[in-house]
Amino acid sequence: MTKADASDPLEELTAMVEDVLRPLVRVDGGDVELVAAGEGSVLLRVSGSAAFGPGSERVRQQVLCAGVRKVLGDVEVAFDKAVPRPGRVTSGAEEADGRGAAPSEP
C-alpha cells in the first residue's frame, strides 16, 4: 500500500491487520481480527496462541499494538480474547493431515 492509497485510516488499519498482522499470528497458531476502531481506540479479537499461549502478552503488546500504532499513532488498543467453543477435540495428527479427520489405520 502506498501513501497515496492510505487516505482512509480505517482502510489502512484493515489492510495492516489482514495483510500483515493476521498472517504473522496465524503462523504461530493464533488469529487476530479487527472488531472496532473509533476515535482514539481499537478493539482486536485474538484467539489461539495469541490469546492464551506462552508469550501471548508479548505478542499482543510488541506485535499487534505496535502494528496498530504504526498506522494510527498513539491510540488505545484493547483485546477481546476469543474462548474456543466446546466441540470436538482434534489431535496434532488430524491438523497435520489438513482435513480435520484422523488418519486411517492400515
PDB file of N, CA and C in Angstrom:
ATOM      1  N   MET A   1       0.851  -1.170   0.000  1.00  0.00           N
ATOM      2  CA  MET A   1       0.000   0.000   0.000  1.00  0.00           C
ATOM      3  C   MET A   1       0.896   1.232   0.000  1.00  0.00           C
ATOM      4  N   THR A   2       0.625   2.155  -0.891  1.00  0.00           N
ATOM      5  CA  THR A   2       1.403   3.382  -0.957  1.00  0.00           C
ATOM      6  C   THR A   2       0.735   4.459  -0.123  1.00  0.00           C
ATOM      7  N   LYS A   3       1.467   5.524   0.151  1.00  0.00           N
ATOM      8  CA  LYS A   3       0.897   6.632   0.930  1.00  0.00           C
ATOM      9  C   LYS A   3      -0.321   7.225   0.229  1.00  0.00           C
ATOM     10  N   ALA A   4      -0.321   7.237  -1.099  1.00  0.00           N
ATOM     11  CA  ALA A   4      -1.460   7.774  -1.837  1.00  0.00           C
ATOM     12  C   ALA A   4      -2.714   6.933  -1.600  1.00  0.00           C
ATOM     13  N   ASP A   5      -2.542   5.597  -1.423  1.00  0.00           N
ATOM     14  CA  ASP A   5      -3.672   4.714  -1.179  1.00  0.00           C
ATOM     15  C   ASP A   5      -4.163   4.796   0.259  1.00  0.00           C
ATOM     16  N   ALA A   6      -3.362   5.376   1.134  1.00  0.00           N
ATOM     17  CA  ALA A   6      -3.636   5.345   2.570  1.00  0.00           C
ATOM     18  C   ALA A   6      -4.407   6.560   3.061  1.00  0.00           C
ATOM     19  N   SER A   7      -5.293   7.114   2.235  1.00  0.00           N
ATOM     20  CA  SER A   7      -6.017   8.306   2.641  1.00  0.00           C
ATOM     21  C   SER A   7      -7.043   8.012   3.734  1.00  0.00           C
ATOM     22  N   ASP A   8      -7.539   6.801   3.811  1.00  0.00           N
ATOM     23  CA  ASP A   8      -8.521   6.431   4.824  1.00  0.00           C
ATOM     24  C   ASP A   8      -7.829   5.585   5.897  1.00  0.00           C
ATOM     25  N   PRO A   9      -7.706   6.122   7.124  1.00  0.00           N
ATOM     26  CA  PRO A   9      -7.011   5.378   8.183  1.00  0.00           C
ATOM     27  C   PRO A   9      -7.645   4.023   8.497  1.00  0.00           C
ATOM     28  N   LEU A  10      -8.983   3.913   8.392  1.00  0.00           N
ATOM     29  CA  LEU A  10      -9.633   2.638   8.666  1.00  0.00           C
ATOM     30  C   LEU A  10      -9.257   1.595   7.615  1.00  0.00           C
ATOM     31  N   GLU A  11      -9.200   2.006   6.362  1.00  0.00           N
ATOM     32  CA  GLU A  11      -8.776   1.086   5.299  1.00  0.00           C
ATOM     33  C   GLU A  11      -7.334   0.659   5.507  1.00  0.00           C
ATOM     34  N   GLU A  12      -6.479   1.595   5.897  1.00  0.00           N
ATOM     35  CA  GLU A  12      -5.076   1.271   6.137  1.00  0.00           C
ATOM     36  C   GLU A  12      -4.938   0.326   7.335  1.00  0.00           C
ATOM     37  N   LEU A  13      -5.725   0.553   8.383  1.00  0.00           N
ATOM     38  CA  LEU A  13      -5.701  -0.325   9.547  1.00  0.00           C
ATOM     39  C   LEU A  13      -6.196  -1.724   9.177  1.00  0.00           C
ATOM     40  N   THR A  14      -7.288  -1.794   8.433  1.00  0.00           N
ATOM     41  CA  THR A  14      -7.817  -3.083   7.996  1.00  0.00           C
ATOM     42  C   THR A  14      -6.771  -3.843   7.178  1.00  0.00           C
ATOM     43  N   ALA A  15      -6.094  -3.152   6.286  1.00  0.00           N
ATOM     44  CA  ALA A  15      -5.043  -3.789   5.488  1.00  0.00           C
ATOM     45  C   ALA A  15      -3.896  -4.260   6.372  1.00  0.00           C
ATOM     46  N   MET A  16      -3.522  -3.472   7.368  1.00  0.00           N
ATOM     47  CA  MET A  16      -2.450  -3.875   8.285  1.00  0.00           C
ATOM     48  C   MET A  16      -2.830  -5.156   9.017  1.00  0.00           C
ATOM     49  N   VAL A  17      -4.059  -5.207   9.522  1.00  0.00           N
ATOM     50  CA  VAL A  17      -4.500  -6.391  10.268  1.00  0.00           C
ATOM     51  C   VAL A  17      -4.575  -7.609   9.353  1.00  0.00           C
ATOM     52  N   GLU A  18      -5.226  -7.475   8.210  1.00  0.00           N
ATOM     53  CA  GLU A  18      -5.454  -8.617   7.319  1.00  0.00           C
ATOM     54  C   GLU A  18      -4.193  -9.068   6.579  1.00  0.00           C
ATOM     55  N   ASP A  19      -3.375  -8.131   6.124  1.00  0.00           N
ATOM     56  CA  ASP A  19      -2.238  -8.476   5.266  1.00  0.00           C
ATOM     57  C   ASP A  19      -0.926  -8.678   6.008  1.00  0.00           C
ATOM     58  N   VAL A  20      -0.799  -8.113   7.209  1.00  0.00           N
ATOM     59  CA  VAL A  20       0.469  -8.196   7.938  1.00  0.00           C
ATOM     60  C   VAL A  20       0.308  -8.939   9.264  1.00  0.00           C
ATOM     61  N   LEU A  21      -0.538  -8.426  10.137  1.00  0.00           N
ATOM     62  CA  LEU A  21      -0.636  -8.985  11.488  1.00  0.00           C
ATOM     63  C   LEU A  21      -1.256 -10.380  11.514  1.00  0.00           C
ATOM     64  N   ARG A  22      -2.361 -10.572  10.801  1.00  0.00           N
ATOM     65  CA  ARG A  22      -3.024 -11.881  10.815  1.00  0.00           C
ATOM     66  C   ARG A  22      -2.109 -13.003  10.324  1.00  0.00           C
ATOM     67  N   PRO A  23      -1.427 -12.844   9.202  1.00  0.00           N
ATOM     68  CA  PRO A  23      -0.508 -13.924   8.782  1.00  0.00           C
ATOM     69  C   PRO A  23       0.610 -14.191   9.798  1.00  0.00           C
ATOM     70  N   LEU A  24       1.127 -13.145  10.418  1.00  0.00           N
ATOM     71  CA  LEU A  24       2.171 -13.349  11.432  1.00  0.00           C
ATOM     72  C   LEU A  24       1.658 -14.170  12.609  1.00  0.00           C
ATOM     73  N   VAL A  25       0.468 -13.854  13.069  1.00  0.00           N
ATOM     74  CA  VAL A  25      -0.100 -14.537  14.231  1.00  0.00           C
ATOM     75  C   VAL A  25      -0.530 -15.959  13.876  1.00  0.00           C
ATOM     76  N   ARG A  26      -1.051 -16.151  12.689  1.00  0.00           N
ATOM     77  CA  ARG A  26      -1.505 -17.489  12.272  1.00  0.00           C
ATOM     78  C   ARG A  26      -0.361 -18.488  12.165  1.00  0.00           C
ATOM     79  N   VAL A  27       0.810 -18.022  11.775  1.00  0.00           N
ATOM     80  CA  VAL A  27       1.966 -18.913  11.684  1.00  0.00           C
ATOM     81  C   VAL A  27       2.240 -19.574  13.025  1.00  0.00           C
ATOM     82  N   ASP A  28       1.917 -18.884  14.100  1.00  0.00           N
ATOM     83  CA  ASP A  28       2.201 -19.389  15.441  1.00  0.00           C
ATOM     84  C   ASP A  28       0.969 -20.011  16.111  1.00  0.00           C
ATOM     85  N   GLY A  29      -0.084 -20.280  15.334  1.00  0.00           N
ATOM     86  CA  GLY A  29      -1.251 -20.963  15.879  1.00  0.00           C
ATOM     87  C   GLY A  29      -2.305 -20.065  16.492  1.00  0.00           C
ATOM     88  N   GLY A  30      -2.302 -18.798  16.162  1.00  0.00           N
ATOM     89  CA  GLY A  30      -3.300 -17.879  16.691  1.00  0.00           C
ATOM     90  C   GLY A  30      -4.062 -17.209  15.573  1.00  0.00           C
ATOM     91  N   ASP A  31      -4.873 -16.250  15.942  1.00  0.00           N
ATOM     92  CA  ASP A  31      -5.596 -15.460  14.952  1.00  0.00           C
ATOM     93  C   ASP A  31      -5.915 -14.103  15.560  1.00  0.00           C
ATOM     94  N   VAL A  32      -6.139 -13.128  14.703  1.00  0.00           N
ATOM     95  CA  VAL A  32      -6.496 -11.774  15.133  1.00  0.00           C
ATOM     96  C   VAL A  32      -7.462 -11.200  14.112  1.00  0.00           C
ATOM     97  N   GLU A  33      -8.439 -10.447  14.611  1.00  0.00           N
ATOM     98  CA  GLU A  33      -9.354  -9.759  13.709  1.00  0.00           C
ATOM     99  C   GLU A  33      -9.693  -8.393  14.285  1.00  0.00           C
ATOM    100  N   LEU A  34      -9.936  -7.461  13.404  1.00  0.00           N
ATOM    101  CA  LEU A  34     -10.328  -6.113  13.789  1.00  0.00           C
ATOM    102  C   LEU A  34     -11.818  -6.125  14.103  1.00  0.00           C
ATOM    103  N   VAL A  35     -12.175  -5.760  15.335  1.00  0.00           N
ATOM    104  CA  VAL A  35     -13.580  -5.748  15.757  1.00  0.00           C
ATOM    105  C   VAL A  35     -14.150  -4.345  15.625  1.00  0.00           C
ATOM    106  N   ALA A  36     -13.414  -3.353  16.124  1.00  0.00           N
ATOM    107  CA  ALA A  36     -13.914  -1.978  16.095  1.00  0.00           C
ATOM    108  C   ALA A  36     -12.750  -1.004  16.122  1.00  0.00           C
ATOM    109  N   ALA A  37     -12.960   0.128  15.521  1.00  0.00           N
ATOM    110  CA  ALA A  37     -11.994   1.218  15.568  1.00  0.00           C
ATOM    111  C   ALA A  37     -12.782   2.505  15.693  1.00  0.00           C
ATOM    112  N   GLY A  38     -12.454   3.275  16.725  1.00  0.00           N
ATOM    113  CA  GLY A  38     -13.154   4.527  16.953  1.00  0.00           C
ATOM    114  C   GLY A  38     -12.153   5.636  17.206  1.00  0.00           C
ATOM    115  N   GLU A  39     -12.640   6.733  17.666  1.00  0.00           N
ATOM    116  CA  GLU A  39     -11.798   7.884  17.959  1.00  0.00           C
ATOM    117  C   GLU A  39     -10.838   7.541  19.095  1.00  0.00           C
ATOM    118  N   GLY A  40      -9.599   7.282  18.754  1.00  0.00           N
ATOM    119  CA  GLY A  40      -8.570   7.043  19.759  1.00  0.00           C
ATOM    120  C   GLY A  40      -8.509   5.647  20.341  1.00  0.00           C
ATOM    121  N   SER A  41      -9.296   4.702  19.802  1.00  0.00           N
ATOM    122  CA  SER A  41      -9.234   3.346  20.338  1.00  0.00           C
ATOM    123  C   SER A  41      -9.505   2.306  19.257  1.00  0.00           C
ATOM    124  N   VAL A  42      -8.942   1.121  19.488  1.00  0.00           N
ATOM    125  CA  VAL A  42      -9.097  -0.008  18.568  1.00  0.00           C
ATOM    126  C   VAL A  42      -9.358  -1.253  19.406  1.00  0.00           C
ATOM    127  N   LEU A  43     -10.270  -2.105  18.946  1.00  0.00           N
ATOM    128  CA  LEU A  43     -10.539  -3.372  19.604  1.00  0.00           C
ATOM    129  C   LEU A  43     -10.200  -4.490  18.642  1.00  0.00           C
ATOM    130  N   LEU A  44      -9.299  -5.378  19.084  1.00  0.00           N
ATOM    131  CA  LEU A  44      -8.915  -6.553  18.308  1.00  0.00           C
ATOM    132  C   LEU A  44      -9.377  -7.797  19.045  1.00  0.00           C
ATOM    133  N   ARG A  45      -9.859  -8.785  18.308  1.00  0.00           N
ATOM    134  CA  ARG A  45     -10.197 -10.085  18.902  1.00  0.00           C
ATOM    135  C   ARG A  45      -9.052 -11.036  18.587  1.00  0.00           C
ATOM    136  N   VAL A  46      -8.505 -11.651  19.623  1.00  0.00           N
ATOM    137  CA  VAL A  46      -7.414 -12.606  19.453  1.00  0.00           C
ATOM    138  C   VAL A  46      -7.887 -13.980  19.900  1.00  0.00           C
ATOM    139  N   SER A  47      -7.332 -15.008  19.273  1.00  0.00           N
ATOM    140  CA  SER A  47      -7.681 -16.371  19.644  1.00  0.00           C
ATOM    141  C   SER A  47      -6.452 -17.262  19.504  1.00  0.00           C
ATOM    142  N   GLY A  48      -6.576 -18.477  20.004  1.00  0.00           N
ATOM    143  CA  GLY A  48      -5.470 -19.422  19.924  1.00  0.00           C
ATOM    144  C   GLY A  48      -4.276 -18.952  20.726  1.00  0.00           C
ATOM    145  N   SER A  49      -3.093 -19.168  20.191  1.00  0.00           N
ATOM    146  CA  SER A  49      -1.873 -18.822  20.925  1.00  0.00           C
ATOM    147  C   SER A  49      -1.750 -17.325  21.175  1.00  0.00           C
ATOM    148  N   ALA A  50      -2.378 -16.494  20.359  1.00  0.00           N
ATOM    149  CA  ALA A  50      -2.313 -15.047  20.567  1.00  0.00           C
ATOM    150  C   ALA A  50      -3.137 -14.612  21.772  1.00  0.00           C
ATOM    151  N   ALA A  51      -4.068 -15.454  22.187  1.00  0.00           N
ATOM    152  CA  ALA A  51      -4.908 -15.134  23.342  1.00  0.00           C
ATOM    153  C   ALA A  51      -4.411 -15.806  24.611  1.00  0.00           C
ATOM    154  N   PHE A  52      -4.017 -17.071  24.498  1.00  0.00           N
ATOM    155  CA  PHE A  52      -3.740 -17.851  25.696  1.00  0.00           C
ATOM    156  C   PHE A  52      -2.390 -18.547  25.717  1.00  0.00           C
ATOM    157  N   GLY A  53      -1.631 -18.489  24.648  1.00  0.00           N
ATOM    158  CA  GLY A  53      -0.379 -19.231  24.575  1.00  0.00           C
ATOM    159  C   GLY A  53       0.753 -18.570  25.348  1.00  0.00           C
ATOM    160  N   PRO A  54       1.851 -19.312  25.506  1.00  0.00           N
ATOM    161  CA  PRO A  54       3.026 -18.729  26.144  1.00  0.00           C
ATOM    162  C   PRO A  54       3.499 -17.527  25.317  1.00  0.00           C
ATOM    163  N   GLY A  55       3.775 -16.454  25.964  1.00  0.00           N
ATOM    164  CA  GLY A  55       4.238 -15.259  25.261  1.00  0.00           C
ATOM    165  C   GLY A  55       3.132 -14.451  24.615  1.00  0.00           C
ATOM    166  N   SER A  56       1.868 -14.787  24.891  1.00  0.00           N
ATOM    167  CA  SER A  56       0.764 -14.089  24.230  1.00  0.00           C
ATOM    168  C   SER A  56       0.724 -12.602  24.586  1.00  0.00           C
ATOM    169  N   GLU A  57       1.048 -12.276  25.819  1.00  0.00           N
ATOM    170  CA  GLU A  57       1.057 -10.857  26.217  1.00  0.00           C
ATOM    171  C   GLU A  57       2.111 -10.093  25.424  1.00  0.00           C
ATOM    172  N   ARG A  58       3.255 -10.701  25.244  1.00  0.00           N
ATOM    173  CA  ARG A  58       4.328 -10.064  24.463  1.00  0.00           C
ATOM    174  C   ARG A  58       3.898  -9.889  23.005  1.00  0.00           C
ATOM    175  N   VAL A  59       3.269 -10.901  22.433  1.00  0.00           N
ATOM    176  CA  VAL A  59       2.783 -10.803  21.045  1.00  0.00           C
ATOM    177  C   VAL A  59       1.770  -9.671  20.924  1.00  0.00           C
ATOM    178  N   ARG A  60       0.840  -9.614  21.876  1.00  0.00           N
ATOM    179  CA  ARG A  60      -0.183  -8.560  21.810  1.00  0.00           C
ATOM    180  C   ARG A  60       0.447  -7.176  21.906  1.00  0.00           C
ATOM    181  N   GLN A  61       1.380  -6.990  22.821  1.00  0.00           N
ATOM    182  CA  GLN A  61       1.971  -5.663  23.022  1.00  0.00           C
ATOM    183  C   GLN A  61       3.001  -5.297  21.952  1.00  0.00           C
ATOM    184  N   GLN A  62       3.919  -6.212  21.667  1.00  0.00           N
ATOM    185  CA  GLN A  62       5.045  -5.864  20.798  1.00  0.00           C
ATOM    186  C   GLN A  62       4.779  -6.072  19.311  1.00  0.00           C
ATOM    187  N   VAL A  63       3.770  -6.843  18.973  1.00  0.00           N
ATOM    188  CA  VAL A  63       3.462  -7.062  17.558  1.00  0.00           C
ATOM    189  C   VAL A  63       2.146  -6.377  17.189  1.00  0.00           C
ATOM    190  N   LEU A  64       1.068  -6.751  17.867  1.00  0.00           N
ATOM    191  CA  LEU A  64      -0.249  -6.240  17.477  1.00  0.00           C
ATOM    192  C   LEU A  64      -0.412  -4.753  17.788  1.00  0.00           C
ATOM    193  N   CYS A  65      -0.112  -4.357  19.027  1.00  0.00           N
ATOM    194  CA  CYS A  65      -0.221  -2.930  19.371  1.00  0.00           C
ATOM    195  C   CYS A  65       0.724  -2.095  18.509  1.00  0.00           C
ATOM    196  N   ALA A  66       1.927  -2.583  18.328  1.00  0.00           N
ATOM    197  CA  ALA A  66       2.904  -1.847  17.518  1.00  0.00           C
ATOM    198  C   ALA A  66       2.419  -1.665  16.081  1.00  0.00           C
ATOM    199  N   GLY A  67       1.815  -2.708  15.513  1.00  0.00           N
ATOM    200  CA  GLY A  67       1.294  -2.608  14.145  1.00  0.00           C
ATOM    201  C   GLY A  67       0.160  -1.609  14.035  1.00  0.00           C
ATOM    202  N   VAL A  68      -0.756  -1.642  14.998  1.00  0.00           N
ATOM    203  CA  VAL A  68      -1.882  -0.701  15.003  1.00  0.00           C
ATOM    204  C   VAL A  68      -1.372   0.727  15.145  1.00  0.00           C
ATOM    205  N   ARG A  69      -0.441   0.928  16.060  1.00  0.00           N
ATOM    206  CA  ARG A  69       0.073   2.285  16.306  1.00  0.00           C
ATOM    207  C   ARG A  69       0.935   2.799  15.161  1.00  0.00           C
ATOM    208  N   LYS A  70       1.499   1.909  14.387  1.00  0.00           N
ATOM    209  CA  LYS A  70       2.256   2.336  13.199  1.00  0.00           C
ATOM    210  C   LYS A  70       1.314   3.009  12.199  1.00  0.00           C
ATOM    211  N   VAL A  71       0.083   2.530  12.168  1.00  0.00           N
ATOM    212  CA  VAL A  71      -0.908   3.089  11.243  1.00  0.00           C
ATOM    213  C   VAL A  71      -1.625   4.300  11.832  1.00  0.00           C
ATOM    214  N   LEU A  72      -2.059   4.201  13.095  1.00  0.00           N
ATOM    215  CA  LEU A  72      -2.940   5.227  13.668  1.00  0.00           C
ATOM    216  C   LEU A  72      -2.278   6.157  14.674  1.00  0.00           C
ATOM    217  N   GLY A  73      -1.027   5.907  15.021  1.00  0.00           N
ATOM    218  CA  GLY A  73      -0.388   6.731  16.037  1.00  0.00           C
ATOM    219  C   GLY A  73      -0.725   6.228  17.432  1.00  0.00           C
ATOM    220  N   ASP A  74      -0.689   7.111  18.401  1.00  0.00           N
ATOM    221  CA  ASP A  74      -0.868   6.743  19.803  1.00  0.00           C
ATOM    222  C   ASP A  74      -2.350   6.565  20.136  1.00  0.00           C
ATOM    223  N   VAL A  75      -2.845   5.338  19.942  1.00  0.00           N
ATOM    224  CA  VAL A  75      -4.233   5.016  20.271  1.00  0.00           C
ATOM    225  C   VAL A  75      -4.249   3.926  21.332  1.00  0.00           C
ATOM    226  N   GLU A  76      -5.372   3.804  22.017  1.00  0.00           N
ATOM    227  CA  GLU A  76      -5.549   2.720  22.975  1.00  0.00           C
ATOM    228  C   GLU A  76      -5.945   1.468  22.198  1.00  0.00           C
ATOM    229  N   VAL A  77      -5.253   0.367  22.479  1.00  0.00           N
ATOM    230  CA  VAL A  77      -5.570  -0.904  21.828  1.00  0.00           C
ATOM    231  C   VAL A  77      -6.058  -1.871  22.902  1.00  0.00           C
ATOM    232  N   ALA A  78      -7.280  -2.360  22.727  1.00  0.00           N
ATOM    233  CA  ALA A  78      -7.865  -3.317  23.670  1.00  0.00           C
ATOM    234  C   ALA A  78      -8.030  -4.656  22.961  1.00  0.00           C
ATOM    235  N   PHE A  79      -8.065  -5.716  23.764  1.00  0.00           N
ATOM    236  CA  PHE A  79      -8.160  -7.063  23.210  1.00  0.00           C
ATOM    237  C   PHE A  79      -9.342  -7.809  23.789  1.00  0.00           C
ATOM    238  N   ASP A  80     -10.036  -8.518  22.934  1.00  0.00           N
ATOM    239  CA  ASP A  80     -11.101  -9.435  23.313  1.00  0.00           C
ATOM    240  C   ASP A  80     -10.529 -10.823  23.054  1.00  0.00           C
ATOM    241  N   LYS A  81     -10.406 -11.627  24.101  1.00  0.00           N
ATOM    242  CA  LYS A  81      -9.870 -12.980  23.950  1.00  0.00           C
ATOM    243  C   LYS A  81     -11.017 -13.929  23.609  1.00  0.00           C
ATOM    244  N   ALA A  82     -10.954 -14.485  22.420  1.00  0.00           N
ATOM    245  CA  ALA A  82     -11.990 -15.422  21.983  1.00  0.00           C
ATOM    246  C   ALA A  82     -11.723 -16.781  22.604  1.00  0.00           C
ATOM    247  N   VAL A  83     -12.674 -17.235  23.395  1.00  0.00           N
ATOM    248  CA  VAL A  83     -12.558 -18.538  24.038  1.00  0.00           C
ATOM    249  C   VAL A  83     -13.080 -19.587  23.065  1.00  0.00           C
ATOM    250  N   PRO A  84     -12.302 -20.656  22.842  1.00  0.00           N
ATOM    251  CA  PRO A  84     -12.773 -21.692  21.912  1.00  0.00           C
ATOM    252  C   PRO A  84     -14.105 -22.275  22.363  1.00  0.00           C
ATOM    253  N   ARG A  85     -14.975 -22.515  21.403  1.00  0.00           N
ATOM    254  CA  ARG A  85     -16.268 -23.127  21.701  1.00  0.00           C
ATOM    255  C   ARG A  85     -16.075 -24.613  21.972  1.00  0.00           C
ATOM    256  N   PRO A  86     -16.873 -25.156  22.879  1.00  0.00           N
ATOM    257  CA  PRO A  86     -16.774 -26.589  23.123  1.00  0.00           C
ATOM    258  C   PRO A  86     -17.130 -27.350  21.857  1.00  0.00           C
ATOM    259  N   GLY A  87     -16.460 -28.417  21.641  1.00  0.00           N
ATOM    260  CA  GLY A  87     -16.720 -29.216  20.452  1.00  0.00           C
ATOM    261  C   GLY A  87     -15.731 -30.349  20.380  1.00  0.00           C
ATOM    262  N   ARG A  88     -15.560 -30.844  19.214  1.00  0.00           N
ATOM    263  CA  ARG A  88     -14.657 -31.959  19.000  1.00  0.00           C
ATOM    264  C   ARG A  88     -13.223 -31.523  19.233  1.00  0.00           C
ATOM    265  N   VAL A  89     -12.504 -32.300  20.003  1.00  0.00           N
ATOM    266  CA  VAL A  89     -11.098 -32.035  20.249  1.00  0.00           C
ATOM    267  C   VAL A  89     -10.302 -32.706  19.146  1.00  0.00           C
ATOM    268  N   THR A  90      -9.383 -31.962  18.539  1.00  0.00           N
ATOM    269  CA  THR A  90      -8.566 -32.537  17.479  1.00  0.00           C
ATOM    270  C   THR A  90      -7.177 -32.823  18.002  1.00  0.00           C
ATOM    271  N   SER A  91      -6.554 -33.787  17.393  1.00  0.00           N
ATOM    272  CA  SER A  91      -5.172 -34.099  17.751  1.00  0.00           C
ATOM    273  C   SER A  91      -4.249 -33.467  16.733  1.00  0.00           C
ATOM    274  N   GLY A  92      -2.970 -33.434  17.031  1.00  0.00           N
ATOM    275  CA  GLY A  92      -1.984 -32.887  16.100  1.00  0.00           C
ATOM    276  C   GLY A  92      -1.997 -33.624  14.775  1.00  0.00           C
ATOM    277  N   ALA A  93      -2.241 -34.949  14.786  1.00  0.00           N
ATOM    278  CA  ALA A  93      -2.267 -35.733  13.553  1.00  0.00           C
ATOM    279  C   ALA A  93      -3.414 -35.285  12.656  1.00  0.00           C
ATOM    280  N   GLU A  94      -4.554 -34.954  13.263  1.00  0.00           N
ATOM    281  CA  GLU A  94      -5.696 -34.507  12.475  1.00  0.00           C
ATOM    282  C   GLU A  94      -5.412 -33.175  11.821  1.00  0.00           C
ATOM    283  N   GLU A  95      -4.775 -32.270  12.552  1.00  0.00           N
ATOM    284  CA  GLU A  95      -4.445 -30.969  11.993  1.00  0.00           C
ATOM    285  C   GLU A  95      -3.384 -31.098  10.913  1.00  0.00           C
ATOM    286  N   ALA A  96      -2.431 -31.993  11.116  1.00  0.00           N
ATOM    287  CA  ALA A  96      -1.333 -32.146  10.174  1.00  0.00           C
ATOM    288  C   ALA A  96      -1.812 -32.666   8.836  1.00  0.00           C
ATOM    289  N   ASP A  97      -2.857 -33.493   8.841  1.00  0.00           N
ATOM    290  CA  ASP A  97      -3.318 -34.037   7.567  1.00  0.00           C
ATOM    291  C   ASP A  97      -4.170 -33.026   6.808  1.00  0.00           C
ATOM    292  N   GLY A  98      -4.554 -31.903   7.475  1.00  0.00           N
ATOM    293  CA  GLY A  98      -5.226 -30.803   6.800  1.00  0.00           C
ATOM    294  C   GLY A  98      -6.696 -31.025   6.516  1.00  0.00           C
ATOM    295  N   ARG A  99      -7.235 -32.193   6.831  1.00  0.00           N
ATOM    296  CA  ARG A  99      -8.647 -32.449   6.537  1.00  0.00           C
ATOM    297  C   ARG A  99      -9.496 -32.454   7.781  1.00  0.00           C
ATOM    298  N   GLY A 100      -8.864 -32.430   8.965  1.00  0.00           N
ATOM    299  CA  GLY A 100      -9.619 -32.453  10.191  1.00  0.00           C
ATOM    300  C   GLY A 100     -10.112 -33.842  10.560  1.00  0.00           C
ATOM    301  N   ALA A 101      -9.673 -34.849   9.846  1.00  0.00           N
ATOM    302  CA  ALA A 101     -10.083 -36.224  10.148  1.00  0.00           C
ATOM    303  C   ALA A 101      -8.849 -37.008  10.575  1.00  0.00           C
ATOM    304  N   ALA A 102      -9.066 -37.937  11.461  1.00  0.00           N
ATOM    305  CA  ALA A 102      -7.955 -38.767  11.929  1.00  0.00           C
ATOM    306  C   ALA A 102      -7.462 -39.643  10.786  1.00  0.00           C
ATOM    307  N   PRO A 103      -6.141 -39.836  10.710  1.00  0.00           N
ATOM    308  CA  PRO A 103      -5.625 -40.722   9.651  1.00  0.00           C
ATOM    309  C   PRO A 103      -6.153 -42.133   9.845  1.00  0.00           C
ATOM    310  N   SER A 104      -6.409 -42.819   8.754  1.00  0.00           N
ATOM    311  CA  SER A 104      -6.939 -44.161   8.855  1.00  0.00           C
ATOM    312  C   SER A 104      -5.844 -45.142   9.231  1.00  0.00           C
ATOM    313  N   GLU A 105      -6.256 -46.189   9.923  1.00  0.00           N
ATOM    314  CA  GLU A 105      -5.323 -47.255  10.317  1.00  0.00           C
ATOM    315  C   GLU A 105      -5.139 -48.207   9.151  1.00  0.00           C
ATOM    316  N   PRO A 106      -3.927 -48.731   8.949  1.00  0.00           N
ATOM    317  CA  PRO A 106      -3.732 -49.695   7.838  1.00  0.00           C
ATOM    318  C   PRO A 106      -4.383 -51.025   8.104  1.00  0.00           C
TER     319      PRO A 106
END
